[in-house]
Amino acid sequence: MEKERNFSHSTIIEQALKLAEETGEVCKAVRKHSSLSIDPTSMTGSIGEELADVLIYVAAIANRAGVDLAEALRAKERVNETRSWTT
């Protein structure tokens, strides 16, 4: 996708900053979904659209860092399974 859209030149730092921006847009979409006030001039997509954008940037960062996301998720879950969770 990045090559098709001419974004492959972005650095890992630029991608991380864009991820942070997209995370904010997820929060805004949740506010909108929950009928909380948001800036009426703000262009906010659905929660699903904004989460997809987050996933795109996560994948871009993983690609630049040489991280296999599927393996990273499995490894992290193995660690999480040994933890105690409180609510």
PDB file of N, CA and C in Angstrom:
ATOM      1  N   MET A   1       0.824  -1.204   0.000  1.00  0.00           N
ATOM      2  CA  MET A   1       0.000   0.000   0.000  1.00  0.00           C
ATOM      3  C   MET A   1       0.864   1.262   0.000  1.00  0.00           C
ATOM      4  N   GLU A   2       1.930   1.215   0.795  1.00  0.00           N
ATOM      5  CA  GLU A   2       2.757   2.410   0.903  1.00  0.00           C
ATOM      6  C   GLU A   2       3.385   2.791  -0.437  1.00  0.00           C
ATOM      7  N   LYS A   3       3.850   1.804  -1.168  1.00  0.00           N
ATOM      8  CA  LYS A   3       4.454   2.098  -2.473  1.00  0.00           C
ATOM      9  C   LYS A   3       3.411   2.640  -3.442  1.00  0.00           C
ATOM     10  N   GLU A   4       2.231   2.038  -3.446  1.00  0.00           N
ATOM     11  CA  GLU A   4       1.154   2.492  -4.331  1.00  0.00           C
ATOM     12  C   GLU A   4       0.784   3.947  -4.073  1.00  0.00           C
ATOM     13  N   ARG A   5       0.833   4.352  -2.807  1.00  0.00           N
ATOM     14  CA  ARG A   5       0.401   5.701  -2.415  1.00  0.00           C
ATOM     15  C   ARG A   5       1.567   6.673  -2.233  1.00  0.00           C
ATOM     16  N   ASN A   6       2.769   6.195  -2.562  1.00  0.00           N
ATOM     17  CA  ASN A   6       3.977   7.012  -2.476  1.00  0.00           C
ATOM     18  C   ASN A   6       4.291   7.457  -1.042  1.00  0.00           C
ATOM     19  N   PHE A   7       4.069   6.574  -0.071  1.00  0.00           N
ATOM     20  CA  PHE A   7       4.392   6.864   1.331  1.00  0.00           C
ATOM     21  C   PHE A   7       5.617   6.095   1.809  1.00  0.00           C
ATOM     22  N   SER A   8       6.209   5.291   0.964  1.00  0.00           N
ATOM     23  CA  SER A   8       7.296   4.422   1.410  1.00  0.00           C
ATOM     24  C   SER A   8       8.567   5.190   1.768  1.00  0.00           C
ATOM     25  N   HIS A   9       8.645   6.445   1.417  1.00  0.00           N
ATOM     26  CA  HIS A   9       9.812   7.260   1.743  1.00  0.00           C
ATOM     27  C   HIS A   9       9.781   7.777   3.185  1.00  0.00           C
ATOM     28  N   SER A  10       8.654   7.677   3.861  1.00  0.00           N
ATOM     29  CA  SER A  10       8.525   8.186   5.229  1.00  0.00           C
ATOM     30  C   SER A  10       9.416   7.401   6.184  1.00  0.00           C
ATOM     31  N   THR A  11      10.027   8.108   7.111  1.00  0.00           N
ATOM     32  CA  THR A  11      10.902   7.459   8.094  1.00  0.00           C
ATOM     33  C   THR A  11      10.076   6.798   9.194  1.00  0.00           C
ATOM     34  N   ILE A  12      10.726   5.985   9.985  1.00  0.00           N
ATOM     35  CA  ILE A  12      10.043   5.336  11.107  1.00  0.00           C
ATOM     36  C   ILE A  12       9.545   6.396  12.100  1.00  0.00           C
ATOM     37  N   ILE A  13      10.290   7.473  12.253  1.00  0.00           N
ATOM     38  CA  ILE A  13       9.860   8.547  13.160  1.00  0.00           C
ATOM     39  C   ILE A  13       8.589   9.207  12.625  1.00  0.00           C
ATOM     40  N   GLU A  14       8.565   9.498  11.329  1.00  0.00           N
ATOM     41  CA  GLU A  14       7.372  10.096  10.736  1.00  0.00           C
ATOM     42  C   GLU A  14       6.167   9.164  10.875  1.00  0.00           C
ATOM     43  N   GLN A  15       6.391   7.869  10.677  1.00  0.00           N
ATOM     44  CA  GLN A  15       5.297   6.915  10.800  1.00  0.00           C
ATOM     45  C   GLN A  15       4.804   6.829  12.244  1.00  0.00           C
ATOM     46  N   ALA A  16       5.713   6.893  13.208  1.00  0.00           N
ATOM     47  CA  ALA A  16       5.314   6.855  14.618  1.00  0.00           C
ATOM     48  C   ALA A  16       4.498   8.087  14.984  1.00  0.00           C
ATOM     49  N   LEU A  17       4.889   9.237  14.470  1.00  0.00           N
ATOM     50  CA  LEU A  17       4.121  10.458  14.745  1.00  0.00           C
ATOM     51  C   LEU A  17       2.741  10.386  14.105  1.00  0.00           C
ATOM     52  N   LYS A  18       2.669   9.846  12.898  1.00  0.00           N
ATOM     53  CA  LYS A  18       1.367   9.680  12.244  1.00  0.00           C
ATOM     54  C   LYS A  18       0.499   8.681  13.005  1.00  0.00           C
ATOM     55  N   LEU A  19       1.121   7.648  13.567  1.00  0.00           N
ATOM     56  CA  LEU A  19       0.380   6.685  14.392  1.00  0.00           C
ATOM     57  C   LEU A  19      -0.241   7.388  15.595  1.00  0.00           C
ATOM     58  N   ALA A  20       0.521   8.261  16.222  1.00  0.00           N
ATOM     59  CA  ALA A  20      -0.010   9.004  17.374  1.00  0.00           C
ATOM     60  C   ALA A  20      -1.206   9.859  16.964  1.00  0.00           C
ATOM     61  N   GLU A  21      -1.110  10.500  15.813  1.00  0.00           N
ATOM     62  CA  GLU A  21      -2.230  11.312  15.316  1.00  0.00           C
ATOM     63  C   GLU A  21      -3.458  10.445  15.064  1.00  0.00           C
ATOM     64  N   GLU A  22      -3.242   9.298  14.451  1.00  0.00           N
ATOM     65  CA  GLU A  22      -4.363   8.402  14.157  1.00  0.00           C
ATOM     66  C   GLU A  22      -4.991   7.853  15.439  1.00  0.00           C
ATOM     67  N   THR A  23      -4.176   7.627  16.460  1.00  0.00           N
ATOM     68  CA  THR A  23      -4.709   7.164  17.744  1.00  0.00           C
ATOM     69  C   THR A  23      -5.659   8.208  18.320  1.00  0.00           C
ATOM     70  N   GLY A  24      -5.292   9.466  18.179  1.00  0.00           N
ATOM     71  CA  GLY A  24      -6.185  10.545  18.602  1.00  0.00           C
ATOM     72  C   GLY A  24      -7.491  10.535  17.824  1.00  0.00           C
ATOM     73  N   GLU A  25      -7.416  10.195  16.535  1.00  0.00           N
ATOM     74  CA  GLU A  25      -8.626  10.129  15.723  1.00  0.00           C
ATOM     75  C   GLU A  25      -9.521   8.963  16.150  1.00  0.00           C
ATOM     76  N   VAL A  26      -8.915   7.867  16.629  1.00  0.00           N
ATOM     77  CA  VAL A  26      -9.716   6.768  17.176  1.00  0.00           C
ATOM     78  C   VAL A  26     -10.486   7.278  18.398  1.00  0.00           C
ATOM     79  N   CYS A  27      -9.801   8.006  19.256  1.00  0.00           N
ATOM     80  CA  CYS A  27     -10.471   8.547  20.447  1.00  0.00           C
ATOM     81  C   CYS A  27     -11.607   9.476  20.063  1.00  0.00           C
ATOM     82  N   LYS A  28     -11.387  10.285  19.048  1.00  0.00           N
ATOM     83  CA  LYS A  28     -12.432  11.196  18.592  1.00  0.00           C
ATOM     84  C   LYS A  28     -13.617  10.411  18.029  1.00  0.00           C
ATOM     85  N   ALA A  29     -13.336   9.331  17.300  1.00  0.00           N
ATOM     86  CA  ALA A  29     -14.409   8.497  16.749  1.00  0.00           C
ATOM     87  C   ALA A  29     -15.203   7.824  17.867  1.00  0.00           C
ATOM     88  N   VAL A  30     -14.512   7.421  18.928  1.00  0.00           N
ATOM     89  CA  VAL A  30     -15.205   6.827  20.076  1.00  0.00           C
ATOM     90  C   VAL A  30     -16.095   7.870  20.735  1.00  0.00           C
ATOM     91  N   ARG A  31     -15.596   9.087  20.872  1.00  0.00           N
ATOM     92  CA  ARG A  31     -16.422  10.167  21.432  1.00  0.00           C
ATOM     93  C   ARG A  31     -17.670  10.370  20.578  1.00  0.00           C
ATOM     94  N   LYS A  32     -17.482  10.432  19.272  1.00  0.00           N
ATOM     95  CA  LYS A  32     -18.603  10.619  18.344  1.00  0.00           C
ATOM     96  C   LYS A  32     -19.594   9.467  18.471  1.00  0.00           C
ATOM     97  N   HIS A  33     -19.089   8.244  18.512  1.00  0.00           N
ATOM     98  CA  HIS A  33     -19.930   7.043  18.630  1.00  0.00           C
ATOM     99  C   HIS A  33     -20.717   7.045  19.947  1.00  0.00           C
ATOM    100  N   SER A  34     -20.099   7.598  20.983  1.00  0.00           N
ATOM    101  CA  SER A  34     -20.722   7.632  22.310  1.00  0.00           C
ATOM    102  C   SER A  34     -21.564   8.885  22.525  1.00  0.00           C
ATOM    103  N   SER A  35     -21.798   9.634  21.466  1.00  0.00           N
ATOM    104  CA  SER A  35     -22.592  10.865  21.499  1.00  0.00           C
ATOM    105  C   SER A  35     -22.012  11.914  22.431  1.00  0.00           C
ATOM    106  N   LEU A  36     -20.699  11.950  22.543  1.00  0.00           N
ATOM    107  CA  LEU A  36     -20.025  13.006  23.290  1.00  0.00           C
ATOM    108  C   LEU A  36     -19.651  14.102  22.297  1.00  0.00           C
ATOM    109  N   SER A  37     -19.462  15.287  22.800  1.00  0.00           N
ATOM    110  CA  SER A  37     -19.212  16.419  21.900  1.00  0.00           C
ATOM    111  C   SER A  37     -17.833  16.305  21.255  1.00  0.00           C
ATOM    112  N   ILE A  38     -17.788  16.695  19.983  1.00  0.00           N
ATOM    113  CA  ILE A  38     -16.533  16.816  19.248  1.00  0.00           C
ATOM    114  C   ILE A  38     -16.623  18.096  18.436  1.00  0.00           C
ATOM    115  N   ASP A  39     -15.509  18.556  17.944  1.00  0.00           N
ATOM    116  CA  ASP A  39     -15.471  19.754  17.107  1.00  0.00           C
ATOM    117  C   ASP A  39     -16.356  19.517  15.886  1.00  0.00           C
ATOM    118  N   PRO A  40     -17.379  20.324  15.693  1.00  0.00           N
ATOM    119  CA  PRO A  40     -18.299  20.097  14.572  1.00  0.00           C
ATOM    120  C   PRO A  40     -17.647  20.232  13.202  1.00  0.00           C
ATOM    121  N   THR A  41     -16.503  20.887  13.115  1.00  0.00           N
ATOM    122  CA  THR A  41     -15.806  21.024  11.831  1.00  0.00           C
ATOM    123  C   THR A  41     -14.816  19.887  11.602  1.00  0.00           C
ATOM    124  N   SER A  42     -14.701  19.010  12.571  1.00  0.00           N
ATOM    125  CA  SER A  42     -13.747  17.906  12.491  1.00  0.00           C
ATOM    126  C   SER A  42     -14.239  16.812  11.547  1.00  0.00           C
ATOM    127  N   MET A  43     -13.350  16.332  10.709  1.00  0.00           N
ATOM    128  CA  MET A  43     -13.666  15.222   9.816  1.00  0.00           C
ATOM    129  C   MET A  43     -13.247  13.933  10.534  1.00  0.00           C
ATOM    130  N   THR A  44     -14.207  13.233  11.104  1.00  0.00           N
ATOM    131  CA  THR A  44     -13.920  12.023  11.857  1.00  0.00           C
ATOM    132  C   THR A  44     -14.640  10.851  11.224  1.00  0.00           C
ATOM    133  N   GLY A  45     -13.892   9.791  10.956  1.00  0.00           N
ATOM    134  CA  GLY A  45     -14.488   8.590  10.401  1.00  0.00           C
ATOM    135  C   GLY A  45     -15.104   7.735  11.487  1.00  0.00           C
ATOM    136  N   SER A  46     -15.518   6.569  11.096  1.00  0.00           N
ATOM    137  CA  SER A  46     -16.064   5.616  12.061  1.00  0.00           C
ATOM    138  C   SER A  46     -14.930   5.018  12.881  1.00  0.00           C
ATOM    139  N   ILE A  47     -15.276   4.356  13.968  1.00  0.00           N
ATOM    140  CA  ILE A  47     -14.261   3.695  14.783  1.00  0.00           C
ATOM    141  C   ILE A  47     -13.488   2.692  13.928  1.00  0.00           C
ATOM    142  N   GLY A  48     -14.200   1.933  13.114  1.00  0.00           N
ATOM    143  CA  GLY A  48     -13.537   0.946  12.265  1.00  0.00           C
ATOM    144  C   GLY A  48     -12.560   1.573  11.288  1.00  0.00           C
ATOM    145  N   GLU A  49     -12.961   2.677  10.661  1.00  0.00           N
ATOM    146  CA  GLU A  49     -12.070   3.362   9.716  1.00  0.00           C
ATOM    147  C   GLU A  49     -10.815   3.872  10.412  1.00  0.00           C
ATOM    148  N   GLU A  50     -10.989   4.450  11.577  1.00  0.00           N
ATOM    149  CA  GLU A  50      -9.848   5.007  12.297  1.00  0.00           C
ATOM    150  C   GLU A  50      -8.940   3.899  12.833  1.00  0.00           C
ATOM    151  N   LEU A  51      -9.524   2.793  13.300  1.00  0.00           N
ATOM    152  CA  LEU A  51      -8.702   1.662  13.738  1.00  0.00           C
ATOM    153  C   LEU A  51      -7.916   1.074  12.572  1.00  0.00           C
ATOM    154  N   ALA A  52      -8.516   1.038  11.394  1.00  0.00           N
ATOM    155  CA  ALA A  52      -7.805   0.554  10.206  1.00  0.00           C
ATOM    156  C   ALA A  52      -6.598   1.443   9.908  1.00  0.00           C
ATOM    157  N   ASP A  53      -6.762   2.759  10.048  1.00  0.00           N
ATOM    158  CA  ASP A  53      -5.633   3.666   9.846  1.00  0.00           C
ATOM    159  C   ASP A  53      -4.522   3.378  10.850  1.00  0.00           C
ATOM    160  N   VAL A  54      -4.888   3.135  12.116  1.00  0.00           N
ATOM    161  CA  VAL A  54      -3.899   2.798  13.135  1.00  0.00           C
ATOM    162  C   VAL A  54      -3.151   1.527  12.728  1.00  0.00           C
ATOM    163  N   LEU A  55      -3.887   0.539  12.291  1.00  0.00           N
ATOM    164  CA  LEU A  55      -3.269  -0.726  11.892  1.00  0.00           C
ATOM    165  C   LEU A  55      -2.304  -0.521  10.726  1.00  0.00           C
ATOM    166  N   ILE A  56      -2.662   0.314   9.777  1.00  0.00           N
ATOM    167  CA  ILE A  56      -1.782   0.612   8.645  1.00  0.00           C
ATOM    168  C   ILE A  56      -0.455   1.194   9.135  1.00  0.00           C
ATOM    169  N   TYR A  57      -0.510   2.137  10.070  1.00  0.00           N
ATOM    170  CA  TYR A  57       0.723   2.744  10.574  1.00  0.00           C
ATOM    171  C   TYR A  57       1.518   1.779  11.445  1.00  0.00           C
ATOM    172  N   VAL A  58       0.847   0.941  12.211  1.00  0.00           N
ATOM    173  CA  VAL A  58       1.553  -0.085  12.994  1.00  0.00           C
ATOM    174  C   VAL A  58       2.323  -1.008  12.048  1.00  0.00           C
ATOM    175  N   ALA A  59       1.676  -1.431  10.973  1.00  0.00           N
ATOM    176  CA  ALA A  59       2.335  -2.303  10.000  1.00  0.00           C
ATOM    177  C   ALA A  59       3.517  -1.590   9.338  1.00  0.00           C
ATOM    178  N   ALA A  60       3.360  -0.317   9.036  1.00  0.00           N
ATOM    179  CA  ALA A  60       4.441   0.445   8.416  1.00  0.00           C
ATOM    180  C   ALA A  60       5.650   0.540   9.341  1.00  0.00           C
ATOM    181  N   ILE A  61       5.393   0.776  10.619  1.00  0.00           N
ATOM    182  CA  ILE A  61       6.488   0.842  11.589  1.00  0.00           C
ATOM    183  C   ILE A  61       7.153  -0.523  11.713  1.00  0.00           C
ATOM    184  N   ALA A  62       6.359  -1.576  11.782  1.00  0.00           N
ATOM    185  CA  ALA A  62       6.913  -2.934  11.871  1.00  0.00           C
ATOM    186  C   ALA A  62       7.781  -3.236  10.652  1.00  0.00           C
ATOM    187  N   ASN A  63       7.317  -2.859   9.470  1.00  0.00           N
ATOM    188  CA  ASN A  63       8.098  -3.098   8.256  1.00  0.00           C
ATOM    189  C   ASN A  63       9.454  -2.406   8.319  1.00  0.00           C
ATOM    190  N   ARG A  64       9.470  -1.163   8.778  1.00  0.00           N
ATOM    191  CA  ARG A  64      10.723  -0.414   8.846  1.00  0.00           C
ATOM    192  C   ARG A  64      11.668  -0.971   9.909  1.00  0.00           C
ATOM    193  N   ALA A  65      11.117  -1.559  10.950  1.00  0.00           N
ATOM    194  CA  ALA A  65      11.933  -2.097  12.045  1.00  0.00           C
ATOM    195  C   ALA A  65      12.236  -3.587  11.869  1.00  0.00           C
ATOM    196  N   GLY A  66      11.711  -4.194  10.819  1.00  0.00           N
ATOM    197  CA  GLY A  66      11.951  -5.617  10.584  1.00  0.00           C
ATOM    198  C   GLY A  66      11.247  -6.512  11.585  1.00  0.00           C
ATOM    199  N   VAL A  67      10.100  -6.077  12.068  1.00  0.00           N
ATOM    200  CA  VAL A  67       9.336  -6.831  13.067  1.00  0.00           C
ATOM    201  C   VAL A  67       8.268  -7.665  12.370  1.00  0.00           C
ATOM    202  N   ASP A  68       8.225  -8.943  12.688  1.00  0.00           N
ATOM    203  CA  ASP A  68       7.153  -9.829  12.232  1.00  0.00           C
ATOM    204  C   ASP A  68       6.014  -9.669  13.227  1.00  0.00           C
ATOM    205  N   LEU A  69       4.979  -8.936  12.850  1.00  0.00           N
ATOM    206  CA  LEU A  69       3.896  -8.626  13.787  1.00  0.00           C
ATOM    207  C   LEU A  69       3.191  -9.870  14.302  1.00  0.00           C
ATOM    208  N   ALA A  70       2.978 -10.851  13.447  1.00  0.00           N
ATOM    209  CA  ALA A  70       2.294 -12.074  13.894  1.00  0.00           C
ATOM    210  C   ALA A  70       3.113 -12.753  14.985  1.00  0.00           C
ATOM    211  N   GLU A  71       4.417 -12.860  14.791  1.00  0.00           N
ATOM    212  CA  GLU A  71       5.277 -13.486  15.800  1.00  0.00           C
ATOM    213  C   GLU A  71       5.372 -12.613  17.045  1.00  0.00           C
ATOM    214  N   ALA A  72       5.448 -11.312  16.874  1.00  0.00           N
ATOM    215  CA  ALA A  72       5.515 -10.410  18.028  1.00  0.00           C
ATOM    216  C   ALA A  72       4.262 -10.538  18.885  1.00  0.00           C
ATOM    217  N   LEU A  73       3.106 -10.662  18.244  1.00  0.00           N
ATOM    218  CA  LEU A  73       1.854 -10.834  18.977  1.00  0.00           C
ATOM    219  C   LEU A  73       1.849 -12.152  19.734  1.00  0.00           C
ATOM    220  N   ARG A  74       2.268 -13.219  19.062  1.00  0.00           N
ATOM    221  CA  ARG A  74       2.305 -14.523  19.752  1.00  0.00           C
ATOM    222  C   ARG A  74       3.263 -14.499  20.937  1.00  0.00           C
ATOM    223  N   ALA A  75       4.440 -13.904  20.751  1.00  0.00           N
ATOM    224  CA  ALA A  75       5.430 -13.837  21.830  1.00  0.00           C
ATOM    225  C   ALA A  75       4.899 -13.011  22.995  1.00  0.00           C
ATOM    226  N   LYS A  76       4.274 -11.899  22.699  1.00  0.00           N
ATOM    227  CA  LYS A  76       3.728 -11.045  23.766  1.00  0.00           C
ATOM    228  C   LYS A  76       2.610 -11.752  24.510  1.00  0.00           C
ATOM    229  N   GLU A  77       1.777 -12.480  23.795  1.00  0.00           N
ATOM    230  CA  GLU A  77       0.697 -13.220  24.455  1.00  0.00           C
ATOM    231  C   GLU A  77       1.243 -14.317  25.362  1.00  0.00           C
ATOM    232  N   ARG A  78       2.358 -14.942  24.970  1.00  0.00           N
ATOM    233  CA  ARG A  78       2.982 -15.932  25.860  1.00  0.00           C
ATOM    234  C   ARG A  78       3.411 -15.274  27.169  1.00  0.00           C
ATOM    235  N   VAL A  79       3.940 -14.068  27.080  1.00  0.00           N
ATOM    236  CA  VAL A  79       4.319 -13.317  28.284  1.00  0.00           C
ATOM    237  C   VAL A  79       3.071 -12.955  29.074  1.00  0.00           C
ATOM    238  N   ASN A  80       2.058 -12.437  28.395  1.00  0.00           N
ATOM    239  CA  ASN A  80       0.827 -12.014  29.074  1.00  0.00           C
ATOM    240  C   ASN A  80       0.139 -13.167  29.787  1.00  0.00           C
ATOM    241  N   GLU A  81       0.239 -14.366  29.232  1.00  0.00           N
ATOM    242  CA  GLU A  81      -0.399 -15.528  29.864  1.00  0.00           C
ATOM    243  C   GLU A  81       0.204 -15.862  31.218  1.00  0.00           C
ATOM    244  N   THR A  82       1.415 -15.378  31.487  1.00  0.00           N
ATOM    245  CA  THR A  82       2.046 -15.650  32.780  1.00  0.00           C
ATOM    246  C   THR A  82       1.776 -14.562  33.806  1.00  0.00           C
ATOM    247  N   ARG A  83       1.119 -13.496  33.390  1.00  0.00           N
ATOM    248  CA  ARG A  83       0.864 -12.366  34.277  1.00  0.00           C
ATOM    249  C   ARG A  83      -0.461 -12.529  35.010  1.00  0.00           C
ATOM    250  N   SER A  84      -0.557 -11.865  36.136  1.00  0.00           N
ATOM    251  CA  SER A  84      -1.814 -11.799  36.874  1.00  0.00           C
ATOM    252  C   SER A  84      -2.481 -10.481  36.512  1.00  0.00           C
ATOM    253  N   TRP A  85      -3.764 -10.553  36.224  1.00  0.00           N
ATOM    254  CA  TRP A  85      -4.503  -9.369  35.816  1.00  0.00           C
ATOM    255  C   TRP A  85      -5.532  -9.034  36.897  1.00  0.00           C
ATOM    256  N   THR A  86      -5.589  -7.774  37.266  1.00  0.00           N
ATOM    257  CA  THR A  86      -6.581  -7.331  38.240  1.00  0.00           C
ATOM    258  C   THR A  86      -7.512  -6.327  37.574  1.00  0.00           C
ATOM    259  N   THR A  87      -8.734  -6.319  38.029  1.00  0.00           N
ATOM    260  CA  THR A  87      -9.682  -5.349  37.478  1.00  0.00           C
ATOM    261  C   THR A  87     -10.245  -4.478  38.573  1.00  0.00           C
TER     262      THR A  87
END
